Amino acid sequence: MAEYTLYCFAQSGNAYKPALFLELAGAAWEPRFVDFFNGEGRTPAFLEKNEMGEVPVLEHGPVRLTQSGVILDYLVEKLGRFGWADDAERREILRWILFDNHKFTSYIATYRFLLNFMPKPPAPEVLDFLKGRVRAACKVLAAHLENRDFVVGAAPTIADLSLAGYVFFEAEYGIEWARDFPSIHAWAERIKALPGWKHPYDLMPGHPLPGRA
């Protein structure tokens, strides 16, 4: 029986962050598919689990957690992987998780959603604005990774797992990491080389969407 249950779906990069942690750590976990695109997140049963109507949701015994950054922090505590060497490093990890949630994931996820999952294309100026914000956030991360293997310290941490949430969907938002941001490409390749790594579409249920195979 699985020790951890993660409510998720394959297209969610935010759910991918804890899913990847659990998989890389060899944890006993199971995905519970959330039919987001058919409205499950708005049902009373799901809102009882997370009033925000979002994935991921992690259940571990009596503990139920939402928001990927909180879940990643909890998994460090429980599984002893991808953590920090000292308090200073923990604060630096938190700094990059906050940057990810506010600038990196937020803009990439919104831009990708509008490009791939909206029934009606948005106005071109909206896409142009978001594309500019995506590239600005990418430039920050790319510069940081120029002379380092991982985001904080010499080994992967939850800062890397958080920032990697949407990186492997790159074909869906028109970035070629190797061409456009080589240092991010090299970093992503190092993450892919970690034992147990899987692409989000192979790790979580729900791909491809019905009618989009």
N, C-alpha and C. Protein backbone atom coordinates (compact mmCIF):
# COMPACT_ATOMS: atom_id res chain seq x y z
N MET A 1 0.84 -1.20 0.00
CA MET A 1 0.00 0.00 0.00
C MET A 1 0.87 1.25 0.00
N ALA A 2 0.47 2.23 -0.82
CA ALA A 2 1.27 3.44 -0.93
C ALA A 2 1.19 4.28 0.35
N GLU A 3 2.31 4.85 0.73
CA GLU A 3 2.36 5.70 1.91
C GLU A 3 1.88 7.11 1.60
N TYR A 4 2.16 7.56 0.38
CA TYR A 4 1.79 8.90 -0.04
C TYR A 4 0.82 8.82 -1.22
N THR A 5 -0.19 9.68 -1.21
CA THR A 5 -1.10 9.84 -2.34
C THR A 5 -1.00 11.27 -2.83
N LEU A 6 -0.75 11.40 -4.14
CA LEU A 6 -0.63 12.73 -4.72
C LEU A 6 -1.76 12.94 -5.73
N TYR A 7 -2.60 13.91 -5.46
CA TYR A 7 -3.66 14.29 -6.40
C TYR A 7 -3.02 15.14 -7.48
N CYS A 8 -3.17 14.70 -8.73
CA CYS A 8 -2.40 15.30 -9.81
C CYS A 8 -3.03 14.99 -11.16
N PHE A 9 -2.50 15.59 -12.20
CA PHE A 9 -2.80 15.20 -13.58
C PHE A 9 -1.59 15.56 -14.43
N ALA A 10 -1.46 14.88 -15.56
CA ALA A 10 -0.20 14.87 -16.30
C ALA A 10 0.22 16.24 -16.82
N GLN A 11 -0.73 17.11 -17.09
CA GLN A 11 -0.40 18.41 -17.67
C GLN A 11 0.03 19.44 -16.64
N SER A 12 -0.04 19.10 -15.37
CA SER A 12 0.27 20.07 -14.31
C SER A 12 1.74 20.03 -13.92
N GLY A 13 2.45 21.09 -14.25
CA GLY A 13 3.83 21.19 -13.82
C GLY A 13 3.96 21.38 -12.32
N ASN A 14 2.98 22.03 -11.71
CA ASN A 14 3.04 22.18 -10.27
C ASN A 14 2.90 20.85 -9.55
N ALA A 15 2.06 19.96 -10.07
CA ALA A 15 1.96 18.62 -9.49
C ALA A 15 3.20 17.79 -9.79
N TYR A 16 3.83 18.07 -10.93
CA TYR A 16 5.04 17.33 -11.30
C TYR A 16 6.15 17.53 -10.28
N LYS A 17 6.22 18.71 -9.66
CA LYS A 17 7.30 18.99 -8.71
C LYS A 17 7.34 17.97 -7.58
N PRO A 18 6.25 17.76 -6.81
CA PRO A 18 6.30 16.72 -5.78
C PRO A 18 6.29 15.31 -6.34
N ALA A 19 5.65 15.11 -7.49
CA ALA A 19 5.66 13.77 -8.09
C ALA A 19 7.09 13.36 -8.42
N LEU A 20 7.87 14.27 -8.97
CA LEU A 20 9.27 13.97 -9.29
C LEU A 20 10.07 13.72 -8.02
N PHE A 21 9.85 14.51 -7.00
CA PHE A 21 10.54 14.28 -5.72
C PHE A 21 10.26 12.87 -5.24
N LEU A 22 8.99 12.49 -5.16
CA LEU A 22 8.61 11.17 -4.66
C LEU A 22 9.24 10.06 -5.48
N GLU A 23 9.26 10.24 -6.80
CA GLU A 23 9.81 9.21 -7.67
C GLU A 23 11.33 9.11 -7.52
N LEU A 24 12.01 10.25 -7.50
CA LEU A 24 13.46 10.24 -7.36
C LEU A 24 13.89 9.69 -6.01
N ALA A 25 13.08 9.93 -4.99
CA ALA A 25 13.41 9.47 -3.64
C ALA A 25 13.05 8.01 -3.42
N GLY A 26 12.39 7.37 -4.39
CA GLY A 26 11.99 5.98 -4.24
C GLY A 26 10.91 5.78 -3.20
N ALA A 27 10.08 6.79 -3.00
CA ALA A 27 9.01 6.71 -2.00
C ALA A 27 7.90 5.79 -2.49
N ALA A 28 7.15 5.25 -1.54
CA ALA A 28 5.96 4.45 -1.86
C ALA A 28 4.80 5.42 -2.04
N TRP A 29 4.51 5.75 -3.29
CA TRP A 29 3.48 6.75 -3.56
C TRP A 29 2.62 6.30 -4.72
N GLU A 30 1.45 6.90 -4.79
CA GLU A 30 0.56 6.63 -5.91
C GLU A 30 -0.10 7.93 -6.35
N PRO A 31 -0.27 8.09 -7.66
CA PRO A 31 -1.00 9.26 -8.15
C PRO A 31 -2.50 9.01 -8.09
N ARG A 32 -3.23 10.03 -7.77
CA ARG A 32 -4.68 9.98 -7.85
C ARG A 32 -5.08 11.01 -8.90
N PHE A 33 -5.60 10.55 -10.04
CA PHE A 33 -5.90 11.42 -11.16
C PHE A 33 -7.02 12.40 -10.81
N VAL A 34 -6.79 13.67 -11.09
CA VAL A 34 -7.81 14.71 -10.95
C VAL A 34 -8.20 15.16 -12.36
N ASP A 35 -9.46 15.00 -12.70
CA ASP A 35 -9.94 15.32 -14.05
C ASP A 35 -10.18 16.83 -14.16
N PHE A 36 -9.10 17.56 -14.13
CA PHE A 36 -9.14 19.01 -14.07
C PHE A 36 -9.88 19.62 -15.26
N PHE A 37 -9.61 19.11 -16.45
CA PHE A 37 -10.17 19.72 -17.65
C PHE A 37 -11.67 19.47 -17.80
N ASN A 38 -12.21 18.56 -17.02
CA ASN A 38 -13.66 18.36 -16.98
C ASN A 38 -14.27 18.85 -15.67
N GLY A 39 -13.54 19.68 -14.95
CA GLY A 39 -14.12 20.41 -13.84
C GLY A 39 -14.05 19.75 -12.47
N GLU A 40 -13.26 18.68 -12.30
CA GLU A 40 -13.24 18.04 -10.99
C GLU A 40 -12.74 18.97 -9.89
N GLY A 41 -11.84 19.88 -10.23
CA GLY A 41 -11.32 20.79 -9.22
C GLY A 41 -12.36 21.72 -8.63
N ARG A 42 -13.51 21.86 -9.30
CA ARG A 42 -14.57 22.74 -8.81
C ARG A 42 -15.67 21.98 -8.08
N THR A 43 -15.53 20.67 -7.95
CA THR A 43 -16.57 19.88 -7.29
C THR A 43 -16.48 20.03 -5.78
N PRO A 44 -17.60 19.89 -5.07
CA PRO A 44 -17.56 19.99 -3.60
C PRO A 44 -16.60 18.98 -2.96
N ALA A 45 -16.53 17.77 -3.51
CA ALA A 45 -15.65 16.76 -2.93
C ALA A 45 -14.20 17.20 -3.01
N PHE A 46 -13.80 17.77 -4.14
CA PHE A 46 -12.40 18.19 -4.25
C PHE A 46 -12.15 19.46 -3.45
N LEU A 47 -13.09 20.39 -3.47
CA LEU A 47 -12.91 21.63 -2.71
C LEU A 47 -12.81 21.37 -1.22
N GLU A 48 -13.37 20.26 -0.77
CA GLU A 48 -13.21 19.88 0.63
C GLU A 48 -11.76 19.52 0.94
N LYS A 49 -11.07 18.99 -0.06
CA LYS A 49 -9.65 18.65 0.11
C LYS A 49 -8.77 19.88 -0.04
N ASN A 50 -9.13 20.75 -0.98
CA ASN A 50 -8.36 21.97 -1.20
C ASN A 50 -9.31 23.06 -1.67
N GLU A 51 -9.58 24.00 -0.79
CA GLU A 51 -10.53 25.07 -1.11
C GLU A 51 -10.07 25.94 -2.27
N MET A 52 -8.78 25.84 -2.63
CA MET A 52 -8.25 26.59 -3.76
C MET A 52 -8.59 25.94 -5.10
N GLY A 53 -9.06 24.69 -5.07
CA GLY A 53 -9.46 24.01 -6.29
C GLY A 53 -8.31 23.63 -7.20
N GLU A 54 -7.12 23.41 -6.63
CA GLU A 54 -5.91 23.19 -7.41
C GLU A 54 -5.23 21.88 -7.03
N VAL A 55 -4.43 21.37 -7.95
CA VAL A 55 -3.44 20.36 -7.62
C VAL A 55 -2.09 21.08 -7.55
N PRO A 56 -1.15 20.48 -6.80
CA PRO A 56 -1.18 19.18 -6.15
C PRO A 56 -1.83 19.24 -4.76
N VAL A 57 -2.32 18.07 -4.36
CA VAL A 57 -2.71 17.82 -2.98
C VAL A 57 -1.98 16.54 -2.56
N LEU A 58 -1.28 16.59 -1.45
CA LEU A 58 -0.57 15.43 -0.93
C LEU A 58 -1.26 14.94 0.33
N GLU A 59 -1.52 13.64 0.38
CA GLU A 59 -2.04 13.01 1.60
C GLU A 59 -1.00 12.01 2.10
N HIS A 60 -0.67 12.15 3.37
CA HIS A 60 0.30 11.27 4.02
C HIS A 60 -0.24 10.96 5.40
N GLY A 61 -0.87 9.80 5.53
CA GLY A 61 -1.54 9.50 6.79
C GLY A 61 -2.60 10.55 7.08
N PRO A 62 -2.57 11.15 8.28
CA PRO A 62 -3.56 12.18 8.60
C PRO A 62 -3.22 13.56 8.04
N VAL A 63 -2.05 13.69 7.44
CA VAL A 63 -1.59 15.00 6.95
C VAL A 63 -2.08 15.21 5.52
N ARG A 64 -2.67 16.36 5.28
CA ARG A 64 -3.05 16.77 3.92
C ARG A 64 -2.46 18.14 3.66
N LEU A 65 -1.71 18.26 2.55
CA LEU A 65 -1.03 19.51 2.23
C LEU A 65 -1.34 19.93 0.80
N THR A 66 -1.36 21.24 0.58
CA THR A 66 -1.50 21.79 -0.76
C THR A 66 -0.40 22.82 -0.98
N GLN A 67 -0.25 23.24 -2.22
CA GLN A 67 0.79 24.14 -2.70
C GLN A 67 2.13 23.41 -2.78
N SER A 68 2.69 23.43 -3.98
CA SER A 68 3.87 22.61 -4.26
C SER A 68 5.05 22.95 -3.37
N GLY A 69 5.28 24.24 -3.08
CA GLY A 69 6.43 24.60 -2.25
C GLY A 69 6.31 24.05 -0.84
N VAL A 70 5.13 24.09 -0.28
CA VAL A 70 4.89 23.53 1.05
C VAL A 70 5.11 22.02 1.03
N ILE A 71 4.59 21.37 0.00
CA ILE A 71 4.73 19.91 -0.10
C ILE A 71 6.20 19.53 -0.25
N LEU A 72 6.94 20.25 -1.07
CA LEU A 72 8.36 19.94 -1.24
C LEU A 72 9.11 20.08 0.09
N ASP A 73 8.82 21.13 0.84
CA ASP A 73 9.46 21.32 2.14
C ASP A 73 9.13 20.17 3.09
N TYR A 74 7.89 19.74 3.07
CA TYR A 74 7.47 18.63 3.93
C TYR A 74 8.19 17.34 3.54
N LEU A 75 8.34 17.10 2.24
CA LEU A 75 8.99 15.87 1.79
C LEU A 75 10.47 15.84 2.16
N VAL A 76 11.12 17.01 2.17
CA VAL A 76 12.49 17.04 2.66
C VAL A 76 12.53 16.54 4.10
N GLU A 77 11.62 17.02 4.91
CA GLU A 77 11.56 16.63 6.32
C GLU A 77 11.32 15.13 6.47
N LYS A 78 10.42 14.57 5.66
CA LYS A 78 10.02 13.17 5.84
C LYS A 78 10.96 12.19 5.15
N LEU A 79 11.53 12.58 4.02
CA LEU A 79 12.32 11.64 3.22
C LEU A 79 13.82 11.93 3.25
N GLY A 80 14.20 13.09 3.75
CA GLY A 80 15.62 13.38 3.92
C GLY A 80 16.39 13.55 2.63
N ARG A 81 15.72 13.96 1.58
CA ARG A 81 16.39 14.17 0.28
C ARG A 81 16.17 15.60 -0.19
N PHE A 82 17.10 16.08 -1.02
CA PHE A 82 16.96 17.35 -1.74
C PHE A 82 16.80 18.55 -0.81
N GLY A 83 17.45 18.47 0.34
CA GLY A 83 17.34 19.53 1.33
C GLY A 83 18.55 20.44 1.35
N TRP A 84 18.85 20.99 2.50
CA TRP A 84 19.81 22.07 2.67
C TRP A 84 20.88 21.66 3.67
N ALA A 85 22.04 22.28 3.53
CA ALA A 85 23.15 21.98 4.45
C ALA A 85 23.08 22.78 5.73
N ASP A 86 22.49 23.99 5.67
CA ASP A 86 22.42 24.85 6.85
C ASP A 86 21.29 25.85 6.64
N ASP A 87 21.11 26.72 7.62
CA ASP A 87 20.01 27.68 7.56
C ASP A 87 20.17 28.66 6.39
N ALA A 88 21.40 29.05 6.11
CA ALA A 88 21.62 29.98 5.01
C ALA A 88 21.21 29.35 3.68
N GLU A 89 21.56 28.09 3.51
CA GLU A 89 21.18 27.40 2.28
C GLU A 89 19.66 27.22 2.21
N ARG A 90 19.04 26.95 3.34
CA ARG A 90 17.57 26.83 3.33
C ARG A 90 16.92 28.13 2.89
N ARG A 91 17.41 29.26 3.37
CA ARG A 91 16.85 30.54 2.95
C ARG A 91 17.08 30.79 1.46
N GLU A 92 18.23 30.38 0.95
CA GLU A 92 18.49 30.54 -0.49
C GLU A 92 17.57 29.66 -1.32
N ILE A 93 17.32 28.45 -0.86
CA ILE A 93 16.36 27.58 -1.53
C ILE A 93 14.98 28.22 -1.54
N LEU A 94 14.57 28.76 -0.40
CA LEU A 94 13.27 29.42 -0.32
C LEU A 94 13.21 30.61 -1.27
N ARG A 95 14.28 31.35 -1.37
CA ARG A 95 14.33 32.51 -2.28
C ARG A 95 14.04 32.09 -3.71
N TRP A 96 14.65 30.98 -4.15
CA TRP A 96 14.45 30.53 -5.52
C TRP A 96 13.08 29.89 -5.72
N ILE A 97 12.54 29.25 -4.70
CA ILE A 97 11.17 28.71 -4.81
C ILE A 97 10.17 29.86 -4.94
N LEU A 98 10.38 30.92 -4.19
CA LEU A 98 9.50 32.08 -4.31
C LEU A 98 9.63 32.73 -5.68
N PHE A 99 10.85 32.85 -6.18
CA PHE A 99 11.06 33.37 -7.54
C PHE A 99 10.34 32.48 -8.55
N ASP A 100 10.47 31.18 -8.38
CA ASP A 100 9.82 30.25 -9.29
C ASP A 100 8.31 30.45 -9.29
N ASN A 101 7.73 30.45 -8.09
CA ASN A 101 6.27 30.55 -8.00
C ASN A 101 5.75 31.89 -8.52
N HIS A 102 6.52 32.94 -8.30
CA HIS A 102 6.05 34.28 -8.67
C HIS A 102 6.38 34.64 -10.11
N LYS A 103 7.52 34.21 -10.62
CA LYS A 103 7.99 34.68 -11.92
C LYS A 103 8.18 33.57 -12.96
N PHE A 104 8.82 32.47 -12.58
CA PHE A 104 9.22 31.48 -13.57
C PHE A 104 8.06 30.55 -13.92
N THR A 105 7.63 29.75 -12.97
CA THR A 105 6.49 28.87 -13.21
C THR A 105 5.24 29.66 -13.57
N SER A 106 4.99 30.75 -12.86
CA SER A 106 3.71 31.45 -13.06
C SER A 106 3.54 31.93 -14.50
N TYR A 107 4.58 32.53 -15.07
CA TYR A 107 4.46 33.03 -16.44
C TYR A 107 4.51 31.91 -17.46
N ILE A 108 5.39 30.93 -17.28
CA ILE A 108 5.45 29.83 -18.24
C ILE A 108 4.14 29.05 -18.23
N ALA A 109 3.61 28.76 -17.05
CA ALA A 109 2.39 27.98 -16.95
C ALA A 109 1.21 28.71 -17.60
N THR A 110 1.10 30.01 -17.36
CA THR A 110 -0.01 30.78 -17.94
C THR A 110 0.12 30.85 -19.46
N TYR A 111 1.32 31.14 -19.93
CA TYR A 111 1.56 31.23 -21.38
C TYR A 111 1.26 29.89 -22.05
N ARG A 112 1.76 28.81 -21.48
CA ARG A 112 1.51 27.47 -22.04
C ARG A 112 0.03 27.14 -22.05
N PHE A 113 -0.67 27.46 -20.96
CA PHE A 113 -2.10 27.15 -20.89
C PHE A 113 -2.86 27.88 -21.99
N LEU A 114 -2.58 29.15 -22.19
CA LEU A 114 -3.27 29.90 -23.23
C LEU A 114 -2.96 29.38 -24.62
N LEU A 115 -1.74 28.93 -24.84
CA LEU A 115 -1.36 28.41 -26.15
C LEU A 115 -1.98 27.05 -26.46
N ASN A 116 -2.15 26.22 -25.43
CA ASN A 116 -2.48 24.81 -25.68
C ASN A 116 -3.86 24.36 -25.22
N PHE A 117 -4.43 25.02 -24.25
CA PHE A 117 -5.62 24.45 -23.61
C PHE A 117 -6.85 25.35 -23.63
N MET A 118 -6.73 26.57 -24.12
CA MET A 118 -7.88 27.45 -24.22
C MET A 118 -8.69 27.12 -25.47
N PRO A 119 -10.01 27.04 -25.39
CA PRO A 119 -10.81 26.74 -26.59
C PRO A 119 -10.75 27.85 -27.63
N LYS A 120 -10.50 29.09 -27.18
CA LYS A 120 -10.41 30.23 -28.10
C LYS A 120 -9.09 30.94 -27.87
N PRO A 121 -8.31 31.17 -28.91
CA PRO A 121 -7.01 31.82 -28.72
C PRO A 121 -7.18 33.22 -28.12
N PRO A 122 -6.32 33.60 -27.20
CA PRO A 122 -6.37 34.95 -26.63
C PRO A 122 -5.85 35.98 -27.62
N ALA A 123 -6.02 37.23 -27.28
CA ALA A 123 -5.53 38.32 -28.13
C ALA A 123 -4.02 38.23 -28.29
N PRO A 124 -3.50 38.52 -29.48
CA PRO A 124 -2.05 38.43 -29.70
C PRO A 124 -1.24 39.27 -28.72
N GLU A 125 -1.76 40.43 -28.32
CA GLU A 125 -0.99 41.28 -27.42
C GLU A 125 -0.85 40.64 -26.04
N VAL A 126 -1.84 39.84 -25.64
CA VAL A 126 -1.74 39.12 -24.37
C VAL A 126 -0.62 38.10 -24.44
N LEU A 127 -0.59 37.35 -25.54
CA LEU A 127 0.47 36.35 -25.71
C LEU A 127 1.84 37.01 -25.80
N ASP A 128 1.92 38.12 -26.50
CA ASP A 128 3.21 38.82 -26.61
C ASP A 128 3.70 39.29 -25.25
N PHE A 129 2.79 39.82 -24.44
CA PHE A 129 3.18 40.26 -23.10
C PHE A 129 3.71 39.09 -22.27
N LEU A 130 2.96 37.99 -22.26
CA LEU A 130 3.38 36.83 -21.46
C LEU A 130 4.68 36.23 -21.98
N LYS A 131 4.83 36.18 -23.30
CA LYS A 131 6.08 35.66 -23.86
C LYS A 131 7.27 36.49 -23.39
N GLY A 132 7.10 37.80 -23.34
CA GLY A 132 8.17 38.66 -22.85
C GLY A 132 8.49 38.40 -21.39
N ARG A 133 7.45 38.17 -20.58
CA ARG A 133 7.68 37.88 -19.16
C ARG A 133 8.35 36.52 -18.98
N VAL A 134 7.98 35.55 -19.81
CA VAL A 134 8.62 34.23 -19.76
C VAL A 134 10.11 34.37 -20.04
N ARG A 135 10.44 35.08 -21.09
CA ARG A 135 11.84 35.19 -21.47
C ARG A 135 12.64 35.99 -20.43
N ALA A 136 12.01 36.98 -19.82
CA ALA A 136 12.71 37.74 -18.78
C ALA A 136 13.04 36.85 -17.58
N ALA A 137 12.08 36.00 -17.18
CA ALA A 137 12.34 35.09 -16.07
C ALA A 137 13.40 34.06 -16.43
N CYS A 138 13.36 33.59 -17.67
CA CYS A 138 14.36 32.62 -18.13
C CYS A 138 15.76 33.22 -18.11
N LYS A 139 15.88 34.48 -18.46
CA LYS A 139 17.19 35.13 -18.46
C LYS A 139 17.78 35.17 -17.05
N VAL A 140 16.93 35.40 -16.05
CA VAL A 140 17.41 35.42 -14.68
C VAL A 140 17.97 34.06 -14.28
N LEU A 141 17.20 33.01 -14.54
CA LEU A 141 17.65 31.66 -14.18
C LEU A 141 18.88 31.26 -14.99
N ALA A 142 18.88 31.58 -16.29
CA ALA A 142 20.02 31.21 -17.14
C ALA A 142 21.31 31.86 -16.65
N ALA A 143 21.24 33.12 -16.27
CA ALA A 143 22.44 33.80 -15.78
C ALA A 143 22.92 33.16 -14.48
N HIS A 144 21.99 32.79 -13.62
CA HIS A 144 22.36 32.17 -12.35
C HIS A 144 23.05 30.82 -12.56
N LEU A 145 22.64 30.11 -13.61
CA LEU A 145 23.16 28.76 -13.84
C LEU A 145 24.42 28.72 -14.70
N GLU A 146 24.92 29.87 -15.10
CA GLU A 146 26.06 29.91 -16.01
C GLU A 146 27.27 29.15 -15.46
N ASN A 147 27.56 29.27 -14.19
CA ASN A 147 28.77 28.68 -13.61
C ASN A 147 28.47 27.74 -12.47
N ARG A 148 27.30 27.09 -12.52
CA ARG A 148 26.96 26.15 -11.45
C ARG A 148 26.14 25.01 -12.04
N ASP A 149 26.21 23.87 -11.36
CA ASP A 149 25.47 22.70 -11.84
C ASP A 149 24.02 22.72 -11.39
N PHE A 150 23.77 23.22 -10.19
CA PHE A 150 22.42 23.24 -9.65
C PHE A 150 22.14 24.61 -9.05
N VAL A 151 20.90 24.86 -8.73
CA VAL A 151 20.47 26.20 -8.36
C VAL A 151 21.09 26.65 -7.04
N VAL A 152 21.13 25.77 -6.06
CA VAL A 152 21.69 26.09 -4.74
C VAL A 152 22.63 24.96 -4.33
N GLY A 153 23.88 25.27 -4.09
CA GLY A 153 24.82 24.25 -3.65
C GLY A 153 25.29 23.35 -4.78
N ALA A 154 25.95 22.28 -4.39
CA ALA A 154 26.59 21.39 -5.36
C ALA A 154 25.71 20.21 -5.77
N ALA A 155 24.55 20.08 -5.17
CA ALA A 155 23.67 18.94 -5.44
C ALA A 155 22.25 19.44 -5.66
N PRO A 156 21.41 18.65 -6.29
CA PRO A 156 20.03 19.10 -6.51
C PRO A 156 19.27 19.24 -5.20
N THR A 157 18.45 20.26 -5.13
CA THR A 157 17.59 20.52 -3.98
C THR A 157 16.17 20.74 -4.48
N ILE A 158 15.27 21.02 -3.52
CA ILE A 158 13.90 21.30 -3.93
C ILE A 158 13.80 22.60 -4.73
N ALA A 159 14.80 23.46 -4.69
CA ALA A 159 14.81 24.62 -5.58
C ALA A 159 14.86 24.16 -7.03
N ASP A 160 15.70 23.18 -7.32
CA ASP A 160 15.77 22.63 -8.68
C ASP A 160 14.46 21.96 -9.07
N LEU A 161 13.89 21.16 -8.16
CA LEU A 161 12.66 20.43 -8.50
C LEU A 161 11.51 21.40 -8.72
N SER A 162 11.49 22.49 -7.97
CA SER A 162 10.44 23.48 -8.17
C SER A 162 10.60 24.18 -9.53
N LEU A 163 11.79 24.65 -9.80
CA LEU A 163 12.02 25.36 -11.06
C LEU A 163 11.88 24.46 -12.28
N ALA A 164 12.04 23.16 -12.09
CA ALA A 164 11.94 22.22 -13.22
C ALA A 164 10.51 21.85 -13.57
N GLY A 165 9.54 22.37 -12.81
CA GLY A 165 8.16 21.92 -12.98
C GLY A 165 7.63 22.00 -14.40
N TYR A 166 7.94 23.07 -15.11
CA TYR A 166 7.41 23.26 -16.46
C TYR A 166 8.49 23.20 -17.55
N VAL A 167 9.73 22.96 -17.15
CA VAL A 167 10.83 23.01 -18.11
C VAL A 167 10.70 21.93 -19.19
N PHE A 168 10.18 20.76 -18.82
CA PHE A 168 10.16 19.64 -19.77
C PHE A 168 8.94 19.64 -20.69
N PHE A 169 8.10 20.67 -20.60
CA PHE A 169 7.01 20.88 -21.56
C PHE A 169 7.43 21.87 -22.65
N GLU A 170 8.71 22.08 -22.85
CA GLU A 170 9.20 23.20 -23.65
C GLU A 170 8.62 23.26 -25.06
N ALA A 171 8.33 22.10 -25.67
CA ALA A 171 7.78 22.11 -27.03
C ALA A 171 6.40 22.76 -27.09
N GLU A 172 5.73 22.85 -25.96
CA GLU A 172 4.38 23.39 -25.93
C GLU A 172 4.35 24.90 -25.77
N TYR A 173 5.51 25.53 -25.56
CA TYR A 173 5.52 26.99 -25.49
C TYR A 173 6.67 27.60 -26.30
N GLY A 174 7.24 26.80 -27.19
CA GLY A 174 8.11 27.36 -28.22
C GLY A 174 9.50 27.76 -27.81
N ILE A 175 10.01 27.20 -26.73
CA ILE A 175 11.41 27.46 -26.36
C ILE A 175 12.24 26.22 -26.67
N GLU A 176 13.37 26.43 -27.31
CA GLU A 176 14.37 25.37 -27.44
C GLU A 176 15.50 25.73 -26.47
N TRP A 177 15.54 25.03 -25.36
CA TRP A 177 16.49 25.41 -24.32
C TRP A 177 17.93 25.44 -24.83
N ALA A 178 18.31 24.43 -25.64
CA ALA A 178 19.70 24.36 -26.10
C ALA A 178 20.07 25.57 -26.94
N ARG A 179 19.11 26.06 -27.71
CA ARG A 179 19.36 27.22 -28.57
C ARG A 179 19.19 28.54 -27.82
N ASP A 180 18.10 28.63 -27.05
CA ASP A 180 17.72 29.92 -26.47
C ASP A 180 18.39 30.20 -25.13
N PHE A 181 18.55 29.18 -24.31
CA PHE A 181 19.13 29.33 -22.97
C PHE A 181 19.98 28.11 -22.66
N PRO A 182 21.21 28.06 -23.19
CA PRO A 182 22.03 26.85 -23.06
C PRO A 182 22.31 26.44 -21.62
N SER A 183 22.44 27.37 -20.71
CA SER A 183 22.73 26.98 -19.32
C SER A 183 21.51 26.30 -18.69
N ILE A 184 20.31 26.72 -19.05
CA ILE A 184 19.12 26.03 -18.57
C ILE A 184 19.03 24.64 -19.19
N HIS A 185 19.38 24.54 -20.46
CA HIS A 185 19.39 23.22 -21.12
C HIS A 185 20.34 22.27 -20.41
N ALA A 186 21.55 22.73 -20.11
CA ALA A 186 22.54 21.87 -19.45
C ALA A 186 22.04 21.45 -18.07
N TRP A 187 21.43 22.38 -17.35
CA TRP A 187 20.86 22.07 -16.03
C TRP A 187 19.73 21.05 -16.15
N ALA A 188 18.84 21.25 -17.11
CA ALA A 188 17.74 20.30 -17.31
C ALA A 188 18.26 18.91 -17.65
N GLU A 189 19.32 18.84 -18.42
CA GLU A 189 19.91 17.55 -18.75
C GLU A 189 20.48 16.88 -17.49
N ARG A 190 21.04 17.66 -16.59
CA ARG A 190 21.53 17.07 -15.34
C ARG A 190 20.38 16.53 -14.50
N ILE A 191 19.26 17.22 -14.50
CA ILE A 191 18.09 16.71 -13.79
C ILE A 191 17.58 15.43 -14.44
N LYS A 192 17.53 15.41 -15.76
CA LYS A 192 17.08 14.20 -16.48
C LYS A 192 18.00 13.01 -16.21
N ALA A 193 19.25 13.27 -15.89
CA ALA A 193 20.21 12.19 -15.63
C ALA A 193 20.08 11.61 -14.23
N LEU A 194 19.28 12.23 -13.36
CA LEU A 194 19.11 11.70 -12.01
C LEU A 194 18.41 10.35 -12.07
N PRO A 195 18.88 9.35 -11.33
CA PRO A 195 18.25 8.02 -11.37
C PRO A 195 16.78 8.09 -10.96
N GLY A 196 15.93 7.58 -11.83
CA GLY A 196 14.50 7.58 -11.57
C GLY A 196 13.73 8.69 -12.25
N TRP A 197 14.43 9.61 -12.94
CA TRP A 197 13.74 10.72 -13.59
C TRP A 197 12.74 10.21 -14.63
N LYS A 198 11.59 10.85 -14.67
CA LYS A 198 10.59 10.58 -15.71
C LYS A 198 9.98 11.90 -16.16
N HIS A 199 9.61 11.93 -17.41
CA HIS A 199 8.88 13.08 -17.95
C HIS A 199 7.51 13.15 -17.28
N PRO A 200 6.97 14.37 -17.09
CA PRO A 200 5.65 14.46 -16.44
C PRO A 200 4.57 13.64 -17.12
N TYR A 201 4.61 13.51 -18.44
CA TYR A 201 3.59 12.74 -19.12
C TYR A 201 3.74 11.23 -18.89
N ASP A 202 4.91 10.82 -18.44
CA ASP A 202 5.13 9.41 -18.09
C ASP A 202 4.95 9.14 -16.60
N LEU A 203 4.95 10.20 -15.81
CA LEU A 203 4.93 10.04 -14.36
C LEU A 203 3.53 10.16 -13.77
N MET A 204 2.68 10.96 -14.40
CA MET A 204 1.35 11.24 -13.86
C MET A 204 0.28 10.86 -14.88
N PRO A 205 -0.91 10.51 -14.42
CA PRO A 205 -1.97 10.07 -15.34
C PRO A 205 -2.66 11.24 -16.02
N GLY A 206 -3.23 10.95 -17.21
CA GLY A 206 -4.06 11.93 -17.89
C GLY A 206 -3.53 12.44 -19.20
N HIS A 207 -2.50 11.80 -19.74
CA HIS A 207 -1.96 12.22 -21.05
C HIS A 207 -2.13 11.07 -22.04
N PRO A 208 -2.52 11.38 -23.27
CA PRO A 208 -2.94 12.70 -23.77
C PRO A 208 -4.37 13.02 -23.39
N LEU A 209 -4.73 14.28 -23.55
CA LEU A 209 -6.12 14.65 -23.29
C LEU A 209 -7.03 13.97 -24.31
N PRO A 210 -8.23 13.58 -23.91
CA PRO A 210 -9.16 12.98 -24.88
C PRO A 210 -9.35 13.88 -26.11
N GLY A 211 -9.27 13.26 -27.27
CA GLY A 211 -9.43 14.01 -28.50
C GLY A 211 -8.20 14.75 -28.95
N ARG A 212 -7.10 14.65 -28.18
CA ARG A 212 -5.87 15.37 -28.56
C ARG A 212 -4.70 14.41 -28.69
N ALA A 213 -4.96 13.16 -28.89
CA ALA A 213 -3.89 12.17 -29.01
C ALA A 213 -3.05 12.45 -30.23
